[in-house]
Amino acid sequence: GDGGRSHILASDNELAGRQIDVFETGRGGDITYHGPGQIVGYPIINLDPDRRDVHKYVRDIEDVLIRVAADYGIQTGRVTGLTGVWAGDEKLAAIGVRIQRWITSHGFALNHTTDLSHFDLIVPCGISDKGVTSLARLGCTASRAEVEDRIAAHFAVVFDRELTGASPGDSAGGQA
């Protein structure tokens, strides 16, 4: 279709006034919003030969983020037929991946302290009857670095990998 452009509800002037740019990407999942307060992860993994299952890969990313939310006492899960991590009827994390020759790109956006009003400017992922939430709105007061560390730790477990080198919280500036 139109790459999800019909799901942008704001005018070009309104977007410009809020300093929001629109980009076309090569991943699935219709339109989404990325901004301050989100933790964006773009895992680059070779799924060949032992993990050649696109649906399992997406479910595994969901599993990582469900476990992270659980660390903060937040109950989340899946919604049948929809991608992402949900707290009731509200999406906590969006997932849009691309897999080429079994190498993954793109990934997930977890709303940590995101300004959720920006989602009012679009129909997130083309889904009009559900809301969006964040860890902060659900009561999590953990720092970005702490949440990033939890993501890395759970990612290592779910994907059977070992964490090496600097901790994820040491990244330059902490911005994705």
Protein backbone atom coordinates (compact mmCIF):
# COMPACT_ATOMS: atom_id res chain seq x y z
CA GLY A 1 0.00 0.00 0.00
CA ASP A 2 1.12 3.52 0.82
CA GLY A 3 3.65 2.41 3.43
CA GLY A 4 1.21 3.36 6.18
CA ARG A 5 1.05 7.05 5.20
CA SER A 6 -2.75 6.99 5.42
CA HIS A 7 -2.26 6.12 9.11
CA ILE A 8 -0.57 9.48 9.80
CA LEU A 9 -3.33 11.59 11.31
CA ALA A 10 -1.35 14.81 11.78
CA SER A 11 -0.77 17.36 9.04
CA ASP A 12 2.70 17.99 7.67
CA ASN A 13 2.66 21.36 9.49
CA GLU A 14 1.71 19.74 12.80
CA LEU A 15 4.50 17.18 12.42
CA ALA A 16 6.99 19.94 11.56
CA GLY A 17 5.84 21.99 14.55
CA ARG A 18 6.58 19.07 16.86
CA GLN A 19 9.90 18.39 15.07
CA ILE A 20 8.74 14.94 13.93
CA ASP A 21 10.12 13.56 10.66
CA VAL A 22 8.63 10.77 8.54
CA PHE A 23 10.89 8.05 7.14
CA GLU A 24 10.19 5.07 4.88
CA THR A 25 11.82 1.83 6.05
CA GLY A 26 12.32 -1.64 4.65
CA ARG A 27 10.68 -3.54 7.49
CA GLY A 28 7.20 -4.88 8.06
CA GLY A 29 4.67 -3.55 10.53
CA ASP A 30 3.02 -0.44 9.00
CA ILE A 31 3.64 2.89 10.75
CA THR A 32 5.22 3.44 14.15
CA TYR A 33 6.73 6.24 16.20
CA HIS A 34 10.29 6.43 17.52
CA GLY A 35 11.30 9.14 19.95
CA PRO A 36 12.93 10.09 23.24
CA GLY A 37 12.16 7.75 26.13
CA GLN A 38 12.02 4.67 23.93
CA ILE A 39 14.55 1.90 24.13
CA VAL A 40 15.12 0.74 20.58
CA GLY A 41 16.95 -2.51 19.95
CA TYR A 42 18.04 -3.68 16.52
CA PRO A 43 19.53 -7.15 17.04
CA ILE A 44 21.69 -8.41 14.18
CA ILE A 45 21.71 -12.19 14.43
CA ASN A 46 22.46 -14.97 11.98
CA LEU A 47 19.50 -17.35 12.44
CA ASP A 48 21.15 -19.94 10.18
CA PRO A 49 21.24 -22.86 10.68
CA ASP A 50 19.55 -23.55 14.03
CA ARG A 51 16.95 -20.75 14.34
CA ARG A 52 15.48 -20.55 10.82
CA ASP A 53 11.97 -19.68 11.96
CA VAL A 54 10.78 -16.09 11.48
CA HIS A 55 7.76 -16.46 13.78
CA LYS A 56 9.84 -18.01 16.55
CA TYR A 57 12.33 -15.14 16.26
CA VAL A 58 9.56 -12.56 16.75
CA ARG A 59 8.03 -14.59 19.63
CA ASP A 60 11.50 -14.79 21.25
CA ILE A 61 11.90 -10.99 21.12
CA GLU A 62 8.43 -10.68 22.67
CA ASP A 63 9.50 -13.18 25.34
CA VAL A 64 12.58 -11.09 26.21
CA LEU A 65 10.46 -7.95 26.70
CA ILE A 66 7.71 -9.78 28.61
CA ARG A 67 10.41 -11.00 31.03
CA VAL A 68 11.81 -7.47 31.39
CA ALA A 69 8.38 -6.08 32.29
CA ALA A 70 7.89 -8.94 34.77
CA ASP A 71 11.14 -7.90 36.51
CA TYR A 72 9.28 -4.70 37.45
CA GLY A 73 6.09 -6.47 38.50
CA ILE A 74 4.29 -5.56 35.26
CA GLN A 75 2.07 -8.25 33.74
CA THR A 76 2.27 -8.25 29.94
CA GLY A 77 1.62 -10.73 27.17
CA ARG A 78 0.65 -11.23 23.57
CA VAL A 79 -2.54 -10.40 21.68
CA THR A 80 -3.60 -13.13 19.24
CA GLY A 81 -2.94 -12.11 15.66
CA LEU A 82 -0.91 -9.03 16.59
CA THR A 83 2.83 -8.56 17.04
CA GLY A 84 4.34 -6.85 20.07
CA VAL A 85 4.08 -6.87 23.84
CA TRP A 86 0.81 -5.79 25.40
CA ALA A 87 -0.42 -4.69 28.81
CA GLY A 88 -4.11 -5.42 28.43
CA ASP A 89 -5.28 -3.49 25.34
CA GLU A 90 -2.27 -1.20 25.28
CA LYS A 91 0.95 -1.85 23.40
CA LEU A 92 4.11 -1.56 25.49
CA ALA A 93 6.57 -2.63 22.78
CA ALA A 94 6.37 -2.66 19.00
CA ILE A 95 8.30 -5.12 16.86
CA GLY A 96 9.15 -4.82 13.17
CA VAL A 97 11.86 -7.05 11.78
CA ARG A 98 13.52 -7.72 8.49
CA ILE A 99 15.30 -10.98 7.77
CA GLN A 100 17.47 -11.37 4.70
CA ARG A 101 19.45 -14.57 4.10
CA TRP A 102 18.58 -15.41 7.73
CA ILE A 103 20.36 -12.29 9.04
CA THR A 104 18.05 -10.14 11.16
CA SER A 105 17.75 -6.36 11.08
CA HIS A 106 15.40 -3.76 12.53
CA GLY A 107 13.88 -4.96 15.80
CA PHE A 108 11.87 -3.57 18.71
CA ALA A 109 10.90 -0.32 20.40
CA LEU A 110 10.07 -0.55 24.11
CA ASN A 111 8.25 2.46 25.55
CA HIS A 112 10.12 3.39 28.71
CA THR A 113 9.44 7.07 29.44
CA THR A 114 8.03 7.88 25.99
CA ASP A 115 5.74 10.89 25.44
CA LEU A 116 2.69 8.81 24.55
CA SER A 117 0.80 11.82 23.16
CA HIS A 118 2.91 11.50 20.01
CA PHE A 119 1.09 8.26 19.23
CA ASP A 120 -2.11 10.32 18.91
CA LEU A 121 -0.66 11.66 15.65
CA ILE A 122 -0.77 8.23 13.97
CA VAL A 123 -2.68 4.96 13.90
CA PRO A 124 0.13 2.88 15.46
CA CYS A 125 0.88 -0.20 13.34
CA GLY A 126 -2.44 0.44 11.58
CA ILE A 127 -4.39 -0.70 14.67
CA SER A 128 -7.04 1.86 15.57
CA ASP A 129 -8.87 0.15 18.45
CA LYS A 130 -5.98 -0.30 20.90
CA GLY A 131 -3.86 2.06 22.96
CA VAL A 132 -0.19 2.53 23.76
CA THR A 133 1.50 2.50 27.15
CA SER A 134 4.97 2.75 28.72
CA LEU A 135 6.91 1.19 31.56
CA ALA A 136 6.74 4.55 33.38
CA ARG A 137 2.95 4.75 33.04
CA LEU A 138 2.74 1.20 34.37
CA GLY A 139 4.70 2.18 37.48
CA CYS A 140 8.31 1.37 36.59
CA THR A 141 10.77 3.94 37.95
CA ALA A 142 13.96 2.17 36.79
CA SER A 143 16.57 4.14 34.86
CA ARG A 144 17.11 3.62 31.15
CA ALA A 145 20.50 1.98 31.81
CA GLU A 146 18.93 -0.47 34.25
CA VAL A 147 16.18 -1.44 31.80
CA GLU A 148 18.78 -1.84 29.03
CA ASP A 149 20.79 -4.16 31.30
CA ARG A 150 17.65 -6.26 31.97
CA ILE A 151 16.96 -6.48 28.21
CA ALA A 152 20.53 -7.66 27.54
CA ALA A 153 20.39 -10.23 30.36
CA HIS A 154 17.08 -11.71 29.20
CA PHE A 155 18.18 -11.59 25.56
CA ALA A 156 21.22 -13.70 26.46
CA VAL A 157 19.01 -16.30 28.17
CA VAL A 158 16.27 -16.49 25.52
CA PHE A 159 18.73 -16.58 22.61
CA ASP A 160 21.24 -18.83 24.40
CA ARG A 161 24.06 -16.30 24.08
CA GLU A 162 26.71 -15.08 26.50
CA LEU A 163 27.11 -11.41 27.41
CA THR A 164 30.67 -10.16 26.87
CA GLY A 165 32.47 -6.84 26.98
CA ALA A 166 31.03 -3.60 28.30
CA SER A 167 27.60 -3.64 29.90
CA PRO A 168 24.80 -2.22 27.70
CA GLY A 169 24.33 0.68 30.13
CA ASP A 170 27.82 1.93 29.16
CA SER A 171 26.79 2.88 25.61
CA ALA A 172 27.77 6.37 24.46
CA GLY A 173 25.05 8.77 25.50
CA GLY A 174 22.50 5.99 25.89
CA GLN A 175 20.54 7.13 22.81
CA ALA A 176 19.51 4.57 20.21
